[in-house]
């Protein structure tokens, strides 16, 4: 499912959802520190996705193939 969603759309939707959650916490009278923690924890995935833009993640098969056992590298 996430293969068909563009990165910019996903980041925008995540940011909009985060804005609604933080705005709601402020509107309901949450303390500033609680709202700041929500903002930081909710913003961390967006920052990571932005920094990792263009990097290719390895597949499970590539990870398992590169793993070394006690007997040496797998062949």
N, C-alpha and C. Protein backbone atom coordinates (compact mmCIF):
# COMPACT_ATOMS: atom_id res chain seq x y z
N UNK A 1 0.80 -1.18 0.00
CA UNK A 1 0.00 0.00 0.00
C UNK A 1 0.86 1.26 0.00
N UNK A 2 1.91 1.28 0.80
CA UNK A 2 2.74 2.48 0.86
C UNK A 2 3.63 2.65 -0.36
N UNK A 3 3.67 1.66 -1.23
CA UNK A 3 4.47 1.81 -2.44
C UNK A 3 3.85 2.81 -3.41
N UNK A 4 2.54 2.99 -3.34
CA UNK A 4 1.87 3.87 -4.28
C UNK A 4 1.70 5.29 -3.74
N UNK A 5 2.02 5.53 -2.47
CA UNK A 5 1.88 6.85 -1.86
C UNK A 5 3.19 7.61 -2.03
N UNK A 6 3.10 8.87 -2.47
CA UNK A 6 4.33 9.64 -2.63
C UNK A 6 4.85 10.09 -1.27
N UNK A 7 6.15 10.27 -1.21
CA UNK A 7 6.81 10.66 0.03
C UNK A 7 6.31 12.01 0.52
N UNK A 8 6.15 12.97 -0.38
CA UNK A 8 5.72 14.31 0.03
C UNK A 8 4.29 14.29 0.56
N UNK A 9 3.41 13.47 -0.03
CA UNK A 9 2.04 13.37 0.46
C UNK A 9 2.02 12.76 1.85
N UNK A 10 2.82 11.75 2.06
CA UNK A 10 2.87 11.08 3.36
C UNK A 10 3.40 12.02 4.44
N UNK A 11 4.45 12.77 4.14
CA UNK A 11 5.01 13.72 5.10
C UNK A 11 4.00 14.83 5.40
N UNK A 12 3.30 15.31 4.38
CA UNK A 12 2.29 16.34 4.58
C UNK A 12 1.13 15.86 5.43
N UNK A 13 0.66 14.65 5.18
CA UNK A 13 -0.44 14.10 5.96
C UNK A 13 -0.02 13.87 7.41
N UNK A 14 1.20 13.38 7.60
CA UNK A 14 1.70 13.16 8.96
C UNK A 14 1.81 14.49 9.70
N UNK A 15 2.33 15.51 9.03
CA UNK A 15 2.49 16.83 9.65
C UNK A 15 1.13 17.45 9.98
N UNK A 16 0.16 17.30 9.10
CA UNK A 16 -1.18 17.84 9.36
C UNK A 16 -1.82 17.13 10.55
N UNK A 17 -1.67 15.82 10.62
CA UNK A 17 -2.20 15.07 11.76
C UNK A 17 -1.53 15.49 13.06
N UNK A 18 -0.24 15.69 13.00
CA UNK A 18 0.51 16.13 14.17
C UNK A 18 0.04 17.52 14.61
N UNK A 19 -0.20 18.42 13.66
CA UNK A 19 -0.69 19.76 13.99
C UNK A 19 -2.05 19.70 14.67
N UNK A 20 -2.92 18.82 14.20
CA UNK A 20 -4.24 18.67 14.82
C UNK A 20 -4.11 18.13 16.24
N UNK A 21 -3.25 17.16 16.44
CA UNK A 21 -3.08 16.56 17.78
C UNK A 21 -2.50 17.59 18.75
N UNK A 22 -1.45 18.30 18.35
CA UNK A 22 -0.85 19.30 19.23
C UNK A 22 -1.82 20.45 19.47
N UNK A 23 -2.52 20.89 18.42
CA UNK A 23 -3.51 21.95 18.59
C UNK A 23 -4.63 21.54 19.53
N UNK A 24 -5.05 20.31 19.45
CA UNK A 24 -6.09 19.81 20.35
C UNK A 24 -5.60 19.78 21.80
N UNK A 25 -4.35 19.37 21.97
CA UNK A 25 -3.83 19.32 23.35
C UNK A 25 -3.72 20.72 23.94
N UNK A 26 -3.36 21.71 23.13
CA UNK A 26 -3.30 23.08 23.62
C UNK A 26 -4.71 23.59 23.91
N UNK A 27 -5.65 23.29 23.03
CA UNK A 27 -7.03 23.76 23.21
C UNK A 27 -7.68 23.13 24.44
N UNK A 28 -7.30 21.92 24.77
CA UNK A 28 -7.87 21.25 25.94
C UNK A 28 -7.16 21.63 27.23
N UNK A 29 -6.17 22.50 27.14
CA UNK A 29 -5.51 23.00 28.34
C UNK A 29 -4.33 22.20 28.82
N UNK A 30 -3.71 21.44 27.96
CA UNK A 30 -2.52 20.68 28.36
C UNK A 30 -1.37 21.65 28.61
N UNK A 31 -0.45 21.25 29.46
CA UNK A 31 0.68 22.12 29.75
C UNK A 31 1.57 22.25 28.52
N UNK A 32 2.39 23.29 28.52
CA UNK A 32 3.28 23.54 27.38
C UNK A 32 4.27 22.41 27.20
N UNK A 33 4.75 21.84 28.30
CA UNK A 33 5.72 20.76 28.19
C UNK A 33 5.10 19.51 27.55
N UNK A 34 3.83 19.24 27.85
CA UNK A 34 3.15 18.10 27.25
C UNK A 34 2.99 18.30 25.75
N UNK A 35 2.60 19.50 25.36
CA UNK A 35 2.45 19.80 23.93
C UNK A 35 3.79 19.74 23.22
N UNK A 36 4.85 20.20 23.87
CA UNK A 36 6.19 20.15 23.27
C UNK A 36 6.65 18.72 23.08
N UNK A 37 6.39 17.86 24.06
CA UNK A 37 6.77 16.45 23.95
C UNK A 37 6.00 15.79 22.81
N UNK A 38 4.71 16.08 22.69
CA UNK A 38 3.92 15.55 21.58
C UNK A 38 4.51 15.99 20.24
N UNK A 39 4.89 17.26 20.16
CA UNK A 39 5.45 17.79 18.92
C UNK A 39 6.77 17.12 18.56
N UNK A 40 7.63 16.96 19.55
CA UNK A 40 8.94 16.35 19.29
C UNK A 40 8.81 14.87 18.93
N UNK A 41 8.01 14.14 19.69
CA UNK A 41 7.84 12.70 19.40
C UNK A 41 7.11 12.47 18.09
N UNK A 42 6.16 13.31 17.78
CA UNK A 42 5.43 13.16 16.53
C UNK A 42 6.22 13.64 15.33
N UNK A 43 7.12 14.59 15.54
CA UNK A 43 7.91 15.13 14.44
C UNK A 43 9.14 14.31 14.09
N UNK A 44 9.57 13.45 14.99
CA UNK A 44 10.77 12.65 14.76
C UNK A 44 10.68 11.77 13.50
N UNK A 45 9.57 11.05 13.25
CA UNK A 45 9.51 10.24 12.03
C UNK A 45 9.59 11.07 10.74
N UNK A 46 9.01 12.28 10.77
CA UNK A 46 9.07 13.14 9.59
C UNK A 46 10.50 13.58 9.33
N UNK A 47 11.22 13.93 10.37
CA UNK A 47 12.62 14.34 10.21
C UNK A 47 13.45 13.18 9.69
N UNK A 48 13.24 12.00 10.22
CA UNK A 48 14.00 10.82 9.76
C UNK A 48 13.68 10.51 8.31
N UNK A 49 12.40 10.56 7.93
CA UNK A 49 12.04 10.30 6.53
C UNK A 49 12.66 11.32 5.59
N UNK A 50 12.73 12.58 6.03
CA UNK A 50 13.32 13.62 5.21
C UNK A 50 14.83 13.42 5.06
N UNK A 51 15.50 13.06 6.14
CA UNK A 51 16.95 12.85 6.09
C UNK A 51 17.33 11.61 5.29
N UNK A 52 16.48 10.60 5.30
CA UNK A 52 16.79 9.36 4.59
C UNK A 52 16.30 9.35 3.15
N UNK A 53 15.87 10.49 2.66
CA UNK A 53 15.35 10.57 1.29
C UNK A 53 16.43 10.13 0.30
N UNK A 54 16.11 9.19 -0.53
CA UNK A 54 17.04 8.73 -1.55
C UNK A 54 17.85 7.51 -1.16
N UNK A 55 17.84 7.14 0.11
CA UNK A 55 18.58 5.95 0.50
C UNK A 55 17.73 4.72 0.25
N UNK A 56 18.38 3.65 -0.09
CA UNK A 56 17.68 2.41 -0.40
C UNK A 56 17.81 1.47 0.79
N UNK A 57 16.70 0.97 1.28
CA UNK A 57 16.75 0.04 2.39
C UNK A 57 16.96 -1.37 1.86
N UNK A 58 17.76 -2.16 2.56
CA UNK A 58 18.01 -3.52 2.09
C UNK A 58 16.79 -4.41 2.32
N UNK A 59 16.67 -5.41 1.47
CA UNK A 59 15.59 -6.37 1.64
C UNK A 59 15.97 -7.37 2.71
N UNK A 60 15.01 -8.15 3.16
CA UNK A 60 15.28 -9.17 4.17
C UNK A 60 16.28 -10.19 3.64
N UNK A 61 16.16 -10.55 2.38
CA UNK A 61 17.08 -11.52 1.78
C UNK A 61 18.51 -10.98 1.77
N UNK A 62 18.68 -9.69 1.50
CA UNK A 62 20.02 -9.10 1.51
C UNK A 62 20.60 -9.07 2.91
N UNK A 63 19.79 -8.81 3.90
CA UNK A 63 20.26 -8.78 5.28
C UNK A 63 20.68 -10.18 5.72
N UNK A 64 19.83 -11.17 5.42
CA UNK A 64 20.16 -12.54 5.82
C UNK A 64 21.37 -13.08 5.08
N UNK A 65 21.54 -12.71 3.84
CA UNK A 65 22.68 -13.18 3.05
C UNK A 65 23.98 -12.59 3.59
N UNK A 66 23.93 -11.36 4.07
CA UNK A 66 25.13 -10.70 4.55
C UNK A 66 25.48 -11.08 5.99
N UNK A 67 24.60 -11.76 6.69
CA UNK A 67 24.83 -12.13 8.09
C UNK A 67 25.93 -13.16 8.20
N UNK A 68 26.73 -13.02 9.26
CA UNK A 68 27.79 -13.99 9.49
C UNK A 68 27.38 -14.90 10.65
N UNK A 69 27.74 -16.17 10.53
CA UNK A 69 27.46 -17.12 11.60
C UNK A 69 28.74 -17.37 12.39
N UNK A 70 28.67 -18.22 13.39
CA UNK A 70 29.87 -18.54 14.17
C UNK A 70 30.90 -19.27 13.33
N UNK A 71 30.44 -19.95 12.28
CA UNK A 71 31.35 -20.72 11.42
C UNK A 71 31.99 -19.85 10.33
N UNK A 72 31.65 -18.60 10.27
CA UNK A 72 32.16 -17.72 9.22
C UNK A 72 31.02 -17.19 8.37
N UNK A 73 31.38 -16.51 7.29
CA UNK A 73 30.31 -15.95 6.44
C UNK A 73 29.48 -17.04 5.79
N UNK A 74 28.21 -16.73 5.59
CA UNK A 74 27.31 -17.68 4.93
C UNK A 74 27.58 -17.70 3.44
N UNK A 75 27.50 -18.88 2.87
CA UNK A 75 27.73 -18.99 1.42
C UNK A 75 26.63 -19.75 0.78
